[in-house]
Amino acid sequence: MKMLLKCPDFPEVKGISVGRCIRGKFLGSYRGHAHSGKDEYHGWVCIKKSRVGRYVLNDGADGFDGVVVKPGRTLLHEIAHLRSPTAGHGAGWKAEMRKLGQSVPRRYKRSKPNYYQWRLSCGCEVKAISPRKKRFVVKCPKHRARKTFTTESLSQIEKSLTPALGEVPA
């Protein structure tokens, strides 16, 4: 069941759809998302019920089922996306999170991915992101040569790898 809430403390939030996306789709495994694009739902936040925070239900005369009294962390996370629509989880979003009084979770503190370049047995060089998985395979697109790393072996040889050439957009 979808429930619509409003959030008077944040004027950029047109409404909050709880339980389902405002477009009618299921949220799936996502905790929530903000509609920060240039469509008819710009300004809406869709979120799971357990992530809203504290809210009070009303009679629904204004088209909303209730009002958010104290927003939860996930709701504040999505409000930061509304305030910085093109920032992703970059510097602009992090600044908005701090303005909202929230700490930036550890998984978003890494500003740029670590790119490395490997020379494979075929002689080709392959550029790839340093993995977060236990097993990581680097493949040559031309010769099908491959090299497999584990997190332990990668951390041992990471010092010998060349850091990336150029910057990657956030």
Protein backbone atom coordinates (compact mmCIF):
# COMPACT_ATOMS: atom_id res chain seq x y z
CA MET A 1 0.00 0.00 0.00
CA LYS A 2 1.35 3.40 -0.97
CA MET A 3 1.15 6.23 1.55
CA LEU A 4 1.82 9.87 0.64
CA LEU A 5 3.43 12.18 3.19
CA LYS A 6 4.50 15.79 3.09
CA CYS A 7 7.55 17.29 4.73
CA PRO A 8 6.98 20.97 5.61
CA ASP A 9 10.51 21.45 7.00
CA PHE A 10 11.99 20.94 3.52
CA PRO A 11 10.28 23.04 0.81
CA GLU A 12 12.22 21.29 -1.99
CA VAL A 13 10.35 18.06 -1.19
CA LYS A 14 7.03 18.06 -3.07
CA GLY A 15 5.99 14.82 -1.41
CA ILE A 16 7.13 11.47 -0.05
CA SER A 17 5.79 8.21 -1.42
CA VAL A 18 6.12 5.50 1.21
CA GLY A 19 6.19 1.82 0.23
CA ARG A 20 6.17 2.26 -3.57
CA CYS A 21 7.61 4.63 -6.12
CA ILE A 22 5.36 7.55 -7.01
CA ARG A 23 5.39 6.14 -10.56
CA GLY A 24 3.78 2.93 -9.23
CA LYS A 25 6.84 0.66 -9.38
CA PHE A 26 8.11 -1.41 -6.46
CA LEU A 27 11.17 -0.14 -4.65
CA GLY A 28 12.70 -3.62 -4.60
CA SER A 29 15.84 -3.85 -2.48
CA TYR A 30 16.42 -0.07 -2.56
CA ARG A 31 15.85 1.88 0.64
CA GLY A 32 14.68 4.86 -1.35
CA HIS A 33 15.43 7.28 -4.16
CA ALA A 34 14.89 10.92 -5.05
CA HIS A 35 13.31 12.14 -8.29
CA SER A 36 15.75 14.92 -9.09
CA GLY A 37 15.40 14.82 -12.89
CA LYS A 38 13.38 17.17 -15.06
CA ASP A 39 10.18 15.16 -15.15
CA GLU A 40 6.72 15.56 -13.64
CA TYR A 41 7.85 13.90 -10.38
CA HIS A 42 10.80 16.21 -9.74
CA GLY A 43 11.01 16.85 -6.01
CA TRP A 44 9.41 13.58 -4.91
CA VAL A 45 11.16 11.09 -2.64
CA CYS A 46 10.19 7.42 -2.69
CA ILE A 47 11.20 5.45 0.38
CA LYS A 48 10.51 2.31 2.39
CA LYS A 49 8.28 2.74 5.44
CA SER A 50 10.97 1.77 7.94
CA ARG A 51 13.27 4.51 6.56
CA VAL A 52 11.00 7.56 6.75
CA GLY A 53 11.47 8.53 10.38
CA ARG A 54 8.64 9.76 12.59
CA TYR A 55 5.41 10.90 10.98
CA VAL A 56 1.86 11.75 12.02
CA LEU A 57 -1.19 10.60 10.04
CA ASN A 58 -4.02 12.99 9.22
CA ASP A 59 -7.44 12.85 7.50
CA GLY A 60 -5.95 13.14 4.00
CA ALA A 61 -8.07 16.13 2.99
CA ASP A 62 -5.06 17.82 1.33
CA GLY A 63 -4.16 14.72 -0.70
CA PHE A 64 -1.50 13.57 1.74
CA ASP A 65 -1.94 10.87 4.37
CA GLY A 66 0.33 12.49 6.92
CA VAL A 67 3.23 14.77 7.82
CA VAL A 68 6.85 13.89 8.61
CA VAL A 69 7.74 15.15 12.08
CA LYS A 70 11.33 13.91 12.35
CA PRO A 71 12.99 12.66 9.14
CA GLY A 72 15.09 9.50 9.23
CA ARG A 73 18.65 9.22 7.92
CA THR A 74 17.64 7.70 4.59
CA LEU A 75 15.10 10.46 4.00
CA LEU A 76 17.77 13.09 4.73
CA HIS A 77 20.10 11.23 2.34
CA GLU A 78 17.50 11.58 -0.43
CA ILE A 79 16.79 15.23 0.43
CA ALA A 80 20.51 15.90 -0.05
CA HIS A 81 20.14 14.40 -3.56
CA LEU A 82 17.26 16.81 -4.27
CA ARG A 83 19.38 19.76 -3.16
CA SER A 84 22.32 18.70 -5.35
CA PRO A 85 20.69 16.92 -8.30
CA THR A 86 23.76 16.41 -10.49
CA ALA A 87 26.27 15.59 -7.75
CA GLY A 88 25.61 11.86 -7.32
CA HIS A 89 27.52 11.00 -4.14
CA GLY A 90 30.21 13.57 -4.91
CA ALA A 91 31.39 16.72 -3.14
CA GLY A 92 28.13 18.67 -3.62
CA TRP A 93 26.04 15.87 -2.11
CA LYS A 94 28.49 15.46 0.78
CA ALA A 95 28.28 19.20 1.52
CA GLU A 96 24.47 19.00 1.58
CA MET A 97 24.62 16.01 3.94
CA ARG A 98 26.78 18.03 6.32
CA LYS A 99 24.39 21.01 6.09
CA LEU A 100 21.58 18.63 7.10
CA GLY A 101 23.63 17.60 10.15
CA GLN A 102 24.40 14.12 8.83
CA SER A 103 27.71 12.32 8.69
CA VAL A 104 28.77 10.93 5.34
CA PRO A 105 28.70 7.10 5.46
CA ARG A 106 32.05 5.40 4.94
CA ARG A 107 31.06 3.85 1.62
CA TYR A 108 30.70 7.35 0.11
CA LYS A 109 33.94 8.83 1.47
CA ARG A 110 36.10 7.43 -1.29
CA SER A 111 36.22 10.36 -3.70
CA LYS A 112 37.67 8.64 -6.78
CA PRO A 113 38.09 5.00 -7.66
CA ASN A 114 41.64 3.67 -7.73
CA TYR A 115 42.52 2.92 -11.32
CA TYR A 116 45.50 0.71 -12.05
CA GLN A 117 47.22 -0.43 -15.19
CA TRP A 118 48.36 -4.02 -15.65
CA ARG A 119 50.72 -5.46 -18.26
CA LEU A 120 49.51 -8.92 -19.20
CA SER A 121 51.44 -11.87 -20.63
CA CYS A 122 50.37 -10.94 -24.18
CA GLY A 123 52.13 -7.58 -23.81
CA CYS A 124 48.96 -5.46 -23.73
CA GLU A 125 48.21 -3.00 -20.96
CA VAL A 126 44.78 -3.04 -19.35
CA LYS A 127 43.35 -0.31 -17.12
CA ALA A 128 40.81 -1.30 -14.45
CA ILE A 129 39.36 -0.24 -11.12
CA SER A 130 40.82 -1.70 -7.97
CA PRO A 131 38.28 -4.29 -6.85
CA ARG A 132 36.22 -4.65 -3.70
CA LYS A 133 35.65 -8.33 -4.42
CA LYS A 134 37.69 -11.26 -3.10
CA ARG A 135 38.56 -12.45 -6.60
CA PHE A 136 39.27 -10.14 -9.50
CA VAL A 137 40.07 -11.00 -13.12
CA VAL A 138 41.78 -8.63 -15.56
CA LYS A 139 41.26 -9.60 -19.22
CA CYS A 140 42.84 -8.47 -22.47
CA PRO A 141 40.09 -7.66 -24.99
CA LYS A 142 42.29 -8.56 -28.00
CA HIS A 143 44.21 -11.68 -27.01
CA ARG A 144 42.00 -13.11 -24.25
CA ALA A 145 44.98 -13.18 -21.93
CA ARG A 146 43.89 -12.92 -18.32
CA LYS A 147 45.32 -12.49 -14.89
CA THR A 148 43.47 -13.38 -11.68
CA PHE A 149 44.02 -11.59 -8.38
CA THR A 150 42.67 -12.14 -4.91
CA THR A 151 42.32 -9.35 -2.40
CA GLU A 152 45.30 -10.65 -0.47
CA SER A 153 47.57 -10.90 -3.51
CA LEU A 154 46.38 -7.54 -4.80
CA SER A 155 47.18 -5.78 -1.53
CA GLN A 156 50.68 -7.30 -1.65
CA ILE A 157 51.40 -6.19 -5.19
CA GLU A 158 49.43 -2.93 -5.09
CA LYS A 159 52.60 -0.98 -4.38
CA SER A 160 54.16 -2.16 -7.62
CA LEU A 161 51.15 -1.23 -9.76
CA THR A 162 51.09 2.08 -11.59
CA PRO A 163 48.29 4.47 -10.50
CA ALA A 164 45.88 5.52 -13.22
CA LEU A 165 46.47 7.88 -16.02
CA GLY A 166 44.13 10.88 -15.94
CA GLU A 167 41.05 11.60 -13.89
CA VAL A 168 37.75 9.77 -13.93
CA PRO A 169 34.52 11.75 -13.54
CA ALA A 170 32.71 11.14 -10.24
